[in-house]
Amino acid sequence: MSRKPVKVKTPSGKEVELVPEKVWELAPRGRKGVKIGLFKDPETGRYFRSKLPDDYPVS
């Protein structure tokens, strides 16, 4: 399954479109959760997390 790129802000402050390496949902018990993606900064190679849109597929 191919994932679509998302516009995120990197730790260096730039806005780029990246494809998350991993996607998961954080949901407190009994409440609506948020989707989180793990991204790799193309310039520095550092990993960072960012919130994803609610309609992004989790797999």
Protein backbone atom coordinates (compact mmCIF):
# COMPACT_ATOMS: atom_id res chain seq x y z
CA MET A 1 0.00 0.00 0.00
CA SER A 2 1.44 3.32 -1.05
CA ARG A 3 1.08 6.25 1.32
CA LYS A 4 0.55 9.80 0.19
CA PRO A 5 2.89 12.65 1.18
CA VAL A 6 1.86 15.12 3.87
CA LYS A 7 3.00 18.72 4.32
CA VAL A 8 4.89 18.90 7.64
CA LYS A 9 7.25 21.31 9.35
CA THR A 10 10.73 19.85 9.94
CA PRO A 11 12.77 20.50 13.11
CA SER A 12 14.94 22.89 11.08
CA GLY A 13 11.83 25.04 10.43
CA LYS A 14 11.14 24.25 6.75
CA GLU A 15 7.79 23.07 5.41
CA VAL A 16 8.19 20.08 3.10
CA GLU A 17 6.02 17.24 1.80
CA LEU A 18 7.15 13.89 3.21
CA VAL A 19 5.76 10.37 3.39
CA PRO A 20 5.61 9.02 6.97
CA GLU A 21 7.69 5.92 7.69
CA LYS A 22 5.27 4.76 10.39
CA VAL A 23 1.71 5.79 11.33
CA TRP A 24 -0.15 5.07 14.55
CA GLU A 25 -3.07 6.41 16.56
CA LEU A 26 -2.82 7.84 20.08
CA ALA A 27 -6.17 7.62 21.81
CA PRO A 28 -6.82 8.23 25.51
CA ARG A 29 -9.31 5.80 26.98
CA GLY A 30 -12.86 6.85 26.14
CA ARG A 31 -11.92 9.84 23.96
CA LYS A 32 -11.19 10.57 20.32
CA GLY A 33 -7.55 10.07 19.37
CA VAL A 34 -5.07 11.70 16.99
CA LYS A 35 -2.95 10.16 14.26
CA ILE A 36 0.82 10.51 14.55
CA GLY A 37 3.42 9.97 11.83
CA LEU A 38 7.15 9.27 12.10
CA PHE A 39 9.15 11.25 9.55
CA LYS A 40 12.83 11.54 8.63
CA ASP A 41 14.26 14.99 7.92
CA PRO A 42 15.88 14.82 4.43
CA GLU A 43 18.53 17.42 5.32
CA THR A 44 19.77 16.23 8.72
CA GLY A 45 18.59 12.61 8.78
CA ARG A 46 16.96 13.12 12.20
CA TYR A 47 13.62 11.50 12.96
CA PHE A 48 10.66 13.52 14.21
CA ARG A 49 6.94 13.03 14.86
CA SER A 50 4.06 15.10 13.60
CA LYS A 51 0.26 15.04 13.74
CA LEU A 52 -1.50 13.72 10.63
CA PRO A 53 -4.95 14.56 9.24
CA ASP A 54 -7.84 12.52 10.68
CA ASP A 55 -8.61 10.91 7.30
CA TYR A 56 -5.04 9.58 6.82
CA PRO A 57 -5.02 5.73 6.61
CA VAL A 58 -3.42 3.78 9.47
CA SER A 59 -1.79 0.51 8.42
